[in-house]
C-alpha atoms as a PDB file:
ATOM      1  CA  MET A   1     -17.709 -51.760 -54.036  1.00  0.00           C
ATOM      2  CA  ARG A   2     -18.825 -54.352 -56.576  1.00  0.00           C
ATOM      3  CA  ILE A   3     -19.417 -58.039 -55.894  1.00  0.00           C
ATOM      4  CA  LEU A   4     -19.410 -60.732 -58.563  1.00  0.00           C
ATOM      5  CA  ALA A   5     -21.639 -63.677 -57.547  1.00  0.00           C
ATOM      6  CA  ARG A   6     -23.335 -66.474 -59.347  1.00  0.00           C
ATOM      7  CA  GLY A   7     -26.573 -65.618 -57.614  1.00  0.00           C
ATOM      8  CA  ARG A   8     -27.187 -68.971 -55.979  1.00  0.00           C
ATOM      9  CA  ARG A   9     -27.110 -67.534 -52.441  1.00  0.00           C
ATOM     10  CA  PRO A  10     -28.472 -64.273 -51.043  1.00  0.00           C
ATOM     11  CA  ILE A  11     -25.969 -61.420 -50.713  1.00  0.00           C
ATOM     12  CA  PRO A  12     -24.977 -60.960 -47.051  1.00  0.00           C
ATOM     13  CA  GLU A  13     -26.500 -58.006 -45.201  1.00  0.00           C
ATOM     14  CA  GLU A  14     -23.005 -56.494 -44.771  1.00  0.00           C
ATOM     15  CA  ALA A  15     -22.769 -56.088 -48.512  1.00  0.00           C
ATOM     16  CA  ALA A  16     -26.380 -54.942 -49.140  1.00  0.00           C
ATOM     17  CA  ARG A  17     -25.294 -51.622 -50.509  1.00  0.00           C
ATOM     18  CA  ALA A  18     -22.736 -53.087 -52.916  1.00  0.00           C
ATOM     19  CA  ASP A  19     -23.149 -53.109 -56.716  1.00  0.00           C
ATOM     20  CA  VAL A  20     -23.827 -56.769 -57.518  1.00  0.00           C
ATOM     21  CA  ALA A  21     -22.798 -58.311 -60.844  1.00  0.00           C
ATOM     22  CA  ARG A  22     -24.180 -61.790 -61.684  1.00  0.00           C
ATOM     23  CA  GLY A  23     -22.164 -64.456 -63.407  1.00  0.00           C
ATOM     24  CA  SER A  24     -19.249 -66.835 -63.240  1.00  0.00           C
ATOM     25  CA  VAL A  25     -15.615 -65.971 -62.696  1.00  0.00           C
ATOM     26  CA  THR A  26     -14.784 -68.343 -65.594  1.00  0.00           C
ATOM     27  CA  ASP A  27     -16.742 -66.191 -68.058  1.00  0.00           C
ATOM     28  CA  PRO A  28     -14.442 -63.527 -69.607  1.00  0.00           C
ATOM     29  CA  ALA A  29     -17.342 -61.476 -70.905  1.00  0.00           C
ATOM     30  CA  VAL A  30     -18.865 -61.258 -67.424  1.00  0.00           C
ATOM     31  CA  LEU A  31     -15.529 -60.210 -65.908  1.00  0.00           C
ATOM     32  CA  GLU A  32     -14.987 -57.614 -68.633  1.00  0.00           C
ATOM     33  CA  ARG A  33     -18.167 -55.870 -67.469  1.00  0.00           C
ATOM     34  CA  ALA A  34     -17.715 -56.457 -63.766  1.00  0.00           C
ATOM     35  CA  LEU A  35     -14.170 -54.925 -63.637  1.00  0.00           C
ATOM     36  CA  VAL A  36     -14.991 -51.624 -65.364  1.00  0.00           C
ATOM     37  CA  GLY A  37     -13.758 -48.894 -63.003  1.00  0.00           C
ATOM     38  CA  VAL A  38     -12.253 -51.270 -60.461  1.00  0.00           C
ATOM     39  CA  ASP A  39      -8.812 -50.550 -58.990  1.00  0.00           C
ATOM     40  CA  VAL A  40      -8.368 -53.564 -56.717  1.00  0.00           C
ATOM     41  CA  VAL A  41      -9.815 -57.018 -57.361  1.00  0.00           C
ATOM     42  CA  VAL A  42     -10.221 -59.506 -54.483  1.00  0.00           C
ATOM     43  CA  SER A  43     -10.335 -63.114 -55.521  1.00  0.00           C
ATOM     44  CA  ALA A  44     -12.020 -65.252 -52.861  1.00  0.00           C
ATOM     45  CA  VAL A  45     -13.388 -67.826 -55.283  1.00  0.00           C
ATOM     46  CA  THR A  46     -13.184 -71.586 -54.630  1.00  0.00           C
ATOM     47  CA  GLY A  47     -15.061 -74.602 -55.944  1.00  0.00           C
ATOM     48  CA  PHE A  48     -14.185 -76.767 -52.960  1.00  0.00           C
ATOM     49  CA  PRO A  49     -15.678 -79.269 -52.271  1.00  0.00           C
ATOM     50  CA  PHE A  50     -18.349 -79.109 -54.958  1.00  0.00           C
ATOM     51  CA  VAL A  51     -16.353 -78.915 -58.194  1.00  0.00           C
ATOM     52  CA  ASP A  52     -12.885 -79.811 -59.451  1.00  0.00           C
ATOM     53  CA  PRO A  53     -10.414 -77.150 -58.157  1.00  0.00           C
ATOM     54  CA  ALA A  54      -8.961 -76.912 -61.693  1.00  0.00           C
ATOM     55  CA  GLN A  55     -12.268 -75.440 -62.958  1.00  0.00           C
ATOM     56  CA  VAL A  56     -12.572 -72.545 -60.465  1.00  0.00           C
ATOM     57  CA  ASP A  57      -9.570 -72.202 -58.179  1.00  0.00           C
ATOM     58  CA  LEU A  58      -7.168 -72.356 -61.151  1.00  0.00           C
ATOM     59  CA  ALA A  59      -9.031 -71.634 -64.389  1.00  0.00           C
ATOM     60  CA  GLY A  60     -11.318 -69.037 -62.811  1.00  0.00           C
ATOM     61  CA  ASN A  61      -8.375 -67.176 -61.295  1.00  0.00           C
ATOM     62  CA  GLU A  62      -6.461 -67.273 -64.601  1.00  0.00           C
ATOM     63  CA  VAL A  63      -9.421 -65.600 -66.330  1.00  0.00           C
ATOM     64  CA  LEU A  64      -9.690 -63.090 -63.509  1.00  0.00           C
ATOM     65  CA  VAL A  65      -5.985 -62.181 -63.606  1.00  0.00           C
ATOM     66  CA  ARG A  66      -6.128 -61.622 -67.363  1.00  0.00           C
ATOM     67  CA  ALA A  67      -9.217 -59.404 -66.997  1.00  0.00           C
ATOM     68  CA  ALA A  68      -7.453 -57.402 -64.272  1.00  0.00           C
ATOM     69  CA  GLU A  69      -4.482 -56.922 -66.621  1.00  0.00           C
ATOM     70  CA  ARG A  70      -6.739 -55.455 -69.277  1.00  0.00           C
ATOM     71  CA  VAL A  71      -8.206 -52.821 -66.937  1.00  0.00           C
ATOM     72  CA  GLY A  72      -5.000 -52.178 -65.029  1.00  0.00           C
ATOM     73  CA  ALA A  73      -6.349 -53.339 -61.619  1.00  0.00           C
ATOM     74  CA  GLU A  74      -4.367 -54.881 -58.769  1.00  0.00           C
ATOM     75  CA  VAL A  75      -5.282 -58.332 -57.475  1.00  0.00           C
ATOM     76  CA  VAL A  76      -5.559 -59.708 -53.938  1.00  0.00           C
ATOM     77  CA  LEU A  77      -5.638 -63.498 -54.231  1.00  0.00           C
ATOM     78  CA  VAL A  78      -6.933 -65.529 -51.279  1.00  0.00           C
ATOM     79  CA  SER A  79      -5.038 -68.768 -51.630  1.00  0.00           C
ATOM     80  CA  VAL A  80      -4.277 -71.389 -48.968  1.00  0.00           C
ATOM     81  CA  ALA A  81      -1.399 -72.068 -46.522  1.00  0.00           C
ATOM     82  CA  GLY A  82       0.600 -75.029 -47.902  1.00  0.00           C
ATOM     83  CA  ALA A  83      -0.066 -74.349 -51.558  1.00  0.00           C
ATOM     84  CA  GLU A  84       2.600 -76.270 -53.433  1.00  0.00           C
ATOM     85  CA  PRO A  85       3.074 -77.700 -56.982  1.00  0.00           C
ATOM     86  CA  ASP A  86       3.479 -81.241 -55.633  1.00  0.00           C
ATOM     87  CA  SER A  87       0.899 -81.107 -52.809  1.00  0.00           C
ATOM     88  CA  ALA A  88      -1.199 -84.233 -52.270  1.00  0.00           C
ATOM     89  CA  MET A  89      -4.315 -81.972 -52.455  1.00  0.00           C
ATOM     90  CA  ALA A  90      -5.641 -81.032 -55.834  1.00  0.00           C
ATOM     91  CA  LEU A  91      -6.993 -77.819 -54.244  1.00  0.00           C
ATOM     92  CA  PHE A  92      -3.529 -76.790 -53.004  1.00  0.00           C
ATOM     93  CA  ARG A  93      -1.983 -77.521 -56.420  1.00  0.00           C
ATOM     94  CA  ALA A  94      -4.626 -75.405 -58.079  1.00  0.00           C
ATOM     95  CA  LYS A  95      -4.092 -72.524 -55.650  1.00  0.00           C
ATOM     96  CA  PHE A  96      -0.313 -72.672 -56.227  1.00  0.00           C
ATOM     97  CA  GLU A  97      -0.749 -72.478 -59.984  1.00  0.00           C
ATOM     98  CA  ALA A  98      -3.162 -69.546 -59.563  1.00  0.00           C
ATOM     99  CA  GLU A  99      -0.483 -67.755 -57.438  1.00  0.00           C
ATOM    100  CA  GLN A 100       2.071 -68.441 -60.227  1.00  0.00           C
ATOM    101  CA  CYS A 101      -0.301 -66.987 -62.806  1.00  0.00           C
ATOM    102  CA  LEU A 102      -0.661 -63.853 -60.749  1.00  0.00           C
ATOM    103  CA  HIS A 103       3.163 -63.558 -60.264  1.00  0.00           C
ATOM    104  CA  ARG A 104       3.773 -63.887 -64.018  1.00  0.00           C
ATOM    105  CA  SER A 105       1.208 -61.255 -64.884  1.00  0.00           C
ATOM    106  CA  SER A 106       1.831 -57.560 -65.250  1.00  0.00           C
ATOM    107  CA  VAL A 107      -0.498 -56.588 -62.405  1.00  0.00           C
ATOM    108  CA  ARG A 108       0.553 -55.889 -58.777  1.00  0.00           C
ATOM    109  CA  GLY A 109      -0.477 -58.965 -56.831  1.00  0.00           C
ATOM    110  CA  THR A 110      -0.956 -59.707 -53.140  1.00  0.00           C
ATOM    111  CA  VAL A 111      -1.365 -63.309 -51.961  1.00  0.00           C
ATOM    112  CA  ILE A 112      -3.066 -64.235 -48.693  1.00  0.00           C
ATOM    113  CA  ARG A 113      -2.546 -67.781 -47.454  1.00  0.00           C
ATOM    114  CA  PRO A 114      -4.904 -68.672 -44.639  1.00  0.00           C
ATOM    115  CA  GLU A 115      -4.710 -72.032 -42.874  1.00  0.00           C
ATOM    116  CA  ALA A 116      -7.907 -74.108 -42.766  1.00  0.00           C
ATOM    117  CA  PHE A 117     -11.079 -72.111 -42.321  1.00  0.00           C
ATOM    118  CA  ALA A 118     -12.592 -72.969 -38.900  1.00  0.00           C
ATOM    119  CA  ASP A 119     -16.064 -71.839 -39.923  1.00  0.00           C
ATOM    120  CA  LEU A 120     -16.138 -74.144 -42.963  1.00  0.00           C
ATOM    121  CA  TRP A 121     -14.974 -77.241 -41.077  1.00  0.00           C
ATOM    122  CA  ILE A 122     -17.267 -76.643 -38.121  1.00  0.00           C
ATOM    123  CA  GLU A 123     -20.146 -76.523 -40.583  1.00  0.00           C
ATOM    124  CA  LEU A 124     -18.968 -79.673 -42.382  1.00  0.00           C
ATOM    125  CA  LEU A 125     -18.584 -81.607 -39.132  1.00  0.00           C
ATOM    126  CA  ALA A 126     -21.994 -80.474 -37.888  1.00  0.00           C
ATOM    127  CA  THR A 127     -23.552 -81.649 -41.135  1.00  0.00           C
ATOM    128  CA  THR A 128     -21.988 -85.059 -40.793  1.00  0.00           C
ATOM    129  CA  ALA A 129     -23.373 -85.413 -37.255  1.00  0.00           C
ATOM    130  CA  ARG A 130     -27.016 -85.645 -38.387  1.00  0.00           C
ATOM    131  CA  ARG A 131     -29.374 -87.343 -36.009  1.00  0.00           C
ATOM    132  CA  SER A 132     -26.650 -89.265 -34.254  1.00  0.00           C
ATOM    133  CA  HIS A 133     -25.093 -85.998 -33.002  1.00  0.00           C
ATOM    134  CA  ARG A 134     -21.718 -87.592 -33.567  1.00  0.00           C
ATOM    135  CA  PRO A 135     -19.640 -85.797 -36.270  1.00  0.00           C
ATOM    136  CA  LEU A 136     -17.776 -87.956 -38.748  1.00  0.00           C
ATOM    137  CA  VAL A 137     -13.995 -87.425 -38.765  1.00  0.00           C
ATOM    138  CA  LEU A 138     -12.338 -88.640 -41.944  1.00  0.00           C
ATOM    139  CA  GLY A 139      -9.305 -90.707 -40.968  1.00  0.00           C
ATOM    140  CA  ARG A 140      -7.491 -90.435 -37.637  1.00  0.00           C
ATOM    141  CA  GLY A 141      -7.803 -86.603 -37.528  1.00  0.00           C
ATOM    142  CA  VAL A 142      -4.844 -86.209 -35.259  1.00  0.00           C
ATOM    143  CA  THR A 143      -2.768 -83.536 -37.109  1.00  0.00           C
ATOM    144  CA  PRO A 144      -2.749 -80.214 -35.262  1.00  0.00           C
ATOM    145  CA  THR A 145      -4.150 -77.407 -37.420  1.00  0.00           C
ATOM    146  CA  GLY A 146      -4.251 -73.623 -36.822  1.00  0.00           C
ATOM    147  CA  TRP A 147      -7.900 -73.163 -37.679  1.00  0.00           C
ATOM    148  CA  VAL A 148      -8.487 -69.558 -38.653  1.00  0.00           C
ATOM    149  CA  ALA A 149     -11.778 -67.659 -38.657  1.00  0.00           C
ATOM    150  CA  VAL A 150     -13.110 -66.357 -41.979  1.00  0.00           C
ATOM    151  CA  GLY A 151     -13.640 -62.988 -40.300  1.00  0.00           C
ATOM    152  CA  ASP A 152      -9.960 -62.746 -39.391  1.00  0.00           C
ATOM    153  CA  VAL A 153      -8.964 -63.355 -42.980  1.00  0.00           C
ATOM    154  CA  ALA A 154     -11.557 -60.866 -44.212  1.00  0.00           C
ATOM    155  CA  ALA A 155     -10.046 -58.291 -41.856  1.00  0.00           C
ATOM    156  CA  LEU A 156      -6.586 -58.863 -43.429  1.00  0.00           C
ATOM    157  CA  VAL A 157      -8.100 -58.462 -46.938  1.00  0.00           C
ATOM    158  CA  VAL A 158      -9.678 -55.182 -45.889  1.00  0.00           C
ATOM    159  CA  ARG A 159      -6.411 -53.916 -44.361  1.00  0.00           C
ATOM    160  CA  VAL A 160      -4.506 -54.745 -47.551  1.00  0.00           C
ATOM    161  CA  ILE A 161      -7.079 -52.942 -49.673  1.00  0.00           C
ATOM    162  CA  GLU A 162      -7.096 -49.865 -47.477  1.00  0.00           C
ATOM    163  CA  GLN A 163      -3.297 -49.606 -47.049  1.00  0.00           C
ATOM    164  CA  ALA A 164      -1.491 -49.690 -50.374  1.00  0.00           C
ATOM    165  CA  PRO A 165       2.007 -50.100 -48.816  1.00  0.00           C
ATOM    166  CA  LEU A 166       0.881 -53.541 -47.583  1.00  0.00           C
ATOM    167  CA  ARG A 167       0.166 -54.814 -51.094  1.00  0.00           C
ATOM    168  CA  GLY A 168       2.552 -56.744 -53.278  1.00  0.00           C
ATOM    169  CA  ALA A 169       3.435 -59.238 -50.592  1.00  0.00           C
ATOM    170  CA  VAL A 170       2.515 -62.825 -49.515  1.00  0.00           C
ATOM    171  CA  TYR A 171       0.818 -63.297 -46.130  1.00  0.00           C
ATOM    172  CA  THR A 172       0.270 -66.545 -44.249  1.00  0.00           C
ATOM    173  CA  LEU A 173      -2.432 -66.337 -41.543  1.00  0.00           C
ATOM    174  CA  CYS A 174      -3.174 -68.931 -38.913  1.00  0.00           C
ATOM    175  CA  GLY A 175      -5.553 -69.191 -35.981  1.00  0.00           C
ATOM    176  CA  PRO A 176      -4.599 -68.648 -32.300  1.00  0.00           C
ATOM    177  CA  GLU A 177      -4.348 -72.356 -31.375  1.00  0.00           C
ATOM    178  CA  ARG A 178      -3.464 -75.615 -33.018  1.00  0.00           C
ATOM    179  CA  ILE A 179      -5.880 -78.496 -32.456  1.00  0.00           C
ATOM    180  CA  SER A 180      -6.640 -81.698 -34.446  1.00  0.00           C
ATOM    181  CA  MET A 181      -9.780 -82.456 -36.460  1.00  0.00           C
ATOM    182  CA  THR A 182     -10.807 -84.972 -33.807  1.00  0.00           C
ATOM    183  CA  ASP A 183     -10.445 -82.310 -31.039  1.00  0.00           C
ATOM    184  CA  LEU A 184     -12.445 -79.851 -33.195  1.00  0.00           C
ATOM    185  CA  ALA A 185     -15.208 -82.419 -33.452  1.00  0.00           C
ATOM    186  CA  ARG A 186     -15.170 -83.089 -29.721  1.00  0.00           C
ATOM    187  CA  ARG A 187     -15.358 -79.295 -28.995  1.00  0.00           C
ATOM    188  CA  LEU A 188     -18.282 -79.037 -31.401  1.00  0.00           C
ATOM    189  CA  MET A 189     -20.079 -81.785 -29.501  1.00  0.00           C
ATOM    190  CA  ASP A 190     -19.392 -80.098 -26.169  1.00  0.00           C
ATOM    191  CA  ALA A 191     -20.628 -76.746 -27.515  1.00  0.00           C
ATOM    192  CA  ARG A 192     -23.884 -78.308 -28.606  1.00  0.00           C
ATOM    193  CA  GLY A 193     -24.330 -80.603 -25.584  1.00  0.00           C
ATOM    194  CA  TRP A 194     -23.991 -83.799 -27.589  1.00  0.00           C
ATOM    195  CA  PRO A 195     -22.862 -86.818 -25.589  1.00  0.00           C
ATOM    196  CA  GLY A 196     -20.435 -89.550 -26.731  1.00  0.00           C
ATOM    197  CA  SER A 197     -17.522 -89.131 -29.052  1.00  0.00           C
ATOM    198  CA  PRO A 198     -16.961 -88.439 -32.790  1.00  0.00           C
ATOM    199  CA  ARG A 199     -17.125 -91.191 -35.307  1.00  0.00           C
ATOM    200  CA  HIS A 200     -14.199 -91.999 -37.592  1.00  0.00           C
ATOM    201  CA  LEU A 201     -13.987 -93.233 -41.188  1.00  0.00           C
ATOM    202  CA  PRO A 202     -11.084 -95.735 -41.114  1.00  0.00           C
ATOM    203  CA  ALA A 203      -8.009 -94.883 -43.235  1.00  0.00           C
ATOM    204  CA  ALA A 204      -8.683 -97.823 -45.577  1.00  0.00           C
ATOM    205  CA  ALA A 205     -12.206 -96.713 -46.316  1.00  0.00           C
ATOM    206  CA  LEU A 206     -10.992 -93.135 -46.689  1.00  0.00           C
ATOM    207  CA  ARG A 207      -8.456 -94.154 -49.355  1.00  0.00           C
ATOM    208  CA  ILE A 208     -11.222 -95.925 -51.289  1.00  0.00           C
ATOM    209  CA  THR A 209     -13.510 -92.889 -50.939  1.00  0.00           C
ATOM    210  CA  ALA A 210     -10.737 -90.649 -52.257  1.00  0.00           C
ATOM    211  CA  LEU A 211     -10.928 -92.510 -55.599  1.00  0.00           C
ATOM    212  CA  LEU A 212     -14.552 -91.531 -56.096  1.00  0.00           C
ATOM    213  CA  PRO A 213     -15.525 -88.607 -58.343  1.00  0.00           C
ATOM    214  CA  GLY A 214     -17.402 -85.693 -56.901  1.00  0.00           C
ATOM    215  CA  ARG A 215     -17.688 -84.062 -53.520  1.00  0.00           C
ATOM    216  CA  ALA A 216     -17.115 -87.130 -51.395  1.00  0.00           C
ATOM    217  CA  GLY A 217     -13.900 -88.017 -53.190  1.00  0.00           C
ATOM    218  CA  ARG A 218     -12.566 -84.455 -52.986  1.00  0.00           C
ATOM    219  CA  GLN A 219     -13.224 -84.210 -49.265  1.00  0.00           C
ATOM    220  CA  ALA A 220     -11.570 -87.587 -48.691  1.00  0.00           C
ATOM    221  CA  GLN A 221      -8.475 -86.532 -50.671  1.00  0.00           C
ATOM    222  CA  VAL A 222      -8.206 -83.402 -48.491  1.00  0.00           C
ATOM    223  CA  ALA A 223      -8.626 -85.432 -45.334  1.00  0.00           C
ATOM    224  CA  LEU A 224      -5.882 -87.867 -46.349  1.00  0.00           C
ATOM    225  CA  ALA A 225      -3.513 -84.999 -47.147  1.00  0.00           C
ATOM    226  CA  MET A 226      -4.271 -83.206 -43.929  1.00  0.00           C
ATOM    227  CA  GLU A 227      -2.964 -86.259 -42.046  1.00  0.00           C
ATOM    228  CA  THR A 228       0.594 -85.383 -43.075  1.00  0.00           C
ATOM    229  CA  LEU A 229       0.333 -81.614 -43.679  1.00  0.00           C
ATOM    230  CA  SER A 230       3.191 -79.572 -42.244  1.00  0.00           C
ATOM    231  CA  PRO A 231       2.220 -76.834 -39.823  1.00  0.00           C
ATOM    232  CA  ALA A 232       1.918 -73.367 -41.363  1.00  0.00           C
ATOM    233  CA  VAL A 233       3.932 -70.509 -39.907  1.00  0.00           C
ATOM    234  CA  ASP A 234       1.978 -67.257 -39.341  1.00  0.00           C
ATOM    235  CA  ASP A 235       4.172 -64.391 -40.671  1.00  0.00           C
ATOM    236  CA  THR A 236       1.386 -61.896 -40.717  1.00  0.00           C
ATOM    237  CA  ARG A 237       0.489 -60.910 -37.149  1.00  0.00           C
ATOM    238  CA  THR A 238       4.043 -59.648 -36.498  1.00  0.00           C
ATOM    239  CA  ILE A 239       3.579 -57.248 -39.437  1.00  0.00           C
ATOM    240  CA  ILE A 240      -0.027 -56.331 -38.631  1.00  0.00           C
ATOM    241  CA  PRO A 241      -0.302 -57.103 -34.896  1.00  0.00           C
ATOM    242  CA  ASP A 242      -3.770 -55.598 -34.346  1.00  0.00           C
ATOM    243  CA  LEU A 243      -5.601 -58.042 -36.637  1.00  0.00           C
ATOM    244  CA  PRO A 244      -8.541 -59.866 -34.856  1.00  0.00           C
ATOM    245  CA  THR A 245      -7.636 -63.264 -33.469  1.00  0.00           C
ATOM    246  CA  THR A 246     -10.877 -65.207 -33.068  1.00  0.00           C
ATOM    247  CA  PRO A 247     -10.649 -68.319 -30.886  1.00  0.00           C
ATOM    248  CA  VAL A 248     -12.291 -71.554 -32.019  1.00  0.00           C
ATOM    249  CA  ALA A 249     -14.434 -71.552 -28.905  1.00  0.00           C
ATOM    250  CA  GLU A 250     -16.146 -68.305 -30.039  1.00  0.00           C
ATOM    251  CA  LEU A 251     -16.860 -69.755 -33.479  1.00  0.00           C
ATOM    252  CA  LEU A 252     -18.291 -72.904 -31.916  1.00  0.00           C
ATOM    253  CA  ALA A 253     -20.515 -70.887 -29.599  1.00  0.00           C
ATOM    254  CA  THR A 254     -21.813 -68.819 -32.539  1.00  0.00           C
ATOM    255  CA  SER A 255     -22.430 -71.995 -34.568  1.00  0.00           C
ATOM    256  CA  ALA A 256     -24.276 -73.599 -31.661  1.00  0.00           C
ATOM    257  CA  ALA A 257     -26.442 -70.508 -31.151  1.00  0.00           C
ATOM    258  CA  GLY A 258     -27.506 -70.559 -34.733  1.00  0.00           C
ATOM    259  CA  ALA A 259     -28.172 -74.326 -34.916  1.00  0.00           C
ATOM    260  CA  PRO A 260     -31.763 -75.526 -35.339  1.00  0.00           C
END
């Protein structure tokens, strides 16, 4: 196994034995070296919320697909549920275009479309709580979402790599229950023993924030779009019924146990 990473964070213990290549997915020369001898490439890259999705989620994947074509490797692309060309989210539009790039290529491609990552949003909500211990929900936060654990998505990726007949398809994966962002924030507070209720950034302020450049603007744009996002339909667990199904409560407990 070989991992391409920029080197800004330590390599997880689970991948300690992997061959690590340093560099950016947007650098063709780096990819040329990293893909030597590789049969299946997994693209789990994203710039959200730190950089413009067009730079990594689209351009990075385009470079990756072209590099895979040159070495004859298959590609497993981790996209996002709801990726559409006319989505209100720049991230979702970029993921859709990356999917189309893969479909147009000569390589055998598999697309995995997870719903919102529970681990990521729990971390983001916890960060906004700060000393007040009251997470900040952007907007009303009432749309039910099937928050899915990163570990469950990783298990699907591994299964697709190990079982060639599963490749060449598109999989949508959701979590076991649908709850709103506000409910997720409340459950986070309960898990950590924080009293009170979540704070909310009013919709008017959220729309203004969405116009700002940088991380704050991108997060606000996503929050606005999530207010009207249609529910995703999990079509994966009927095909692969023994995939792990991690409840939000378990992720919240793990997060609370590791909190300072």
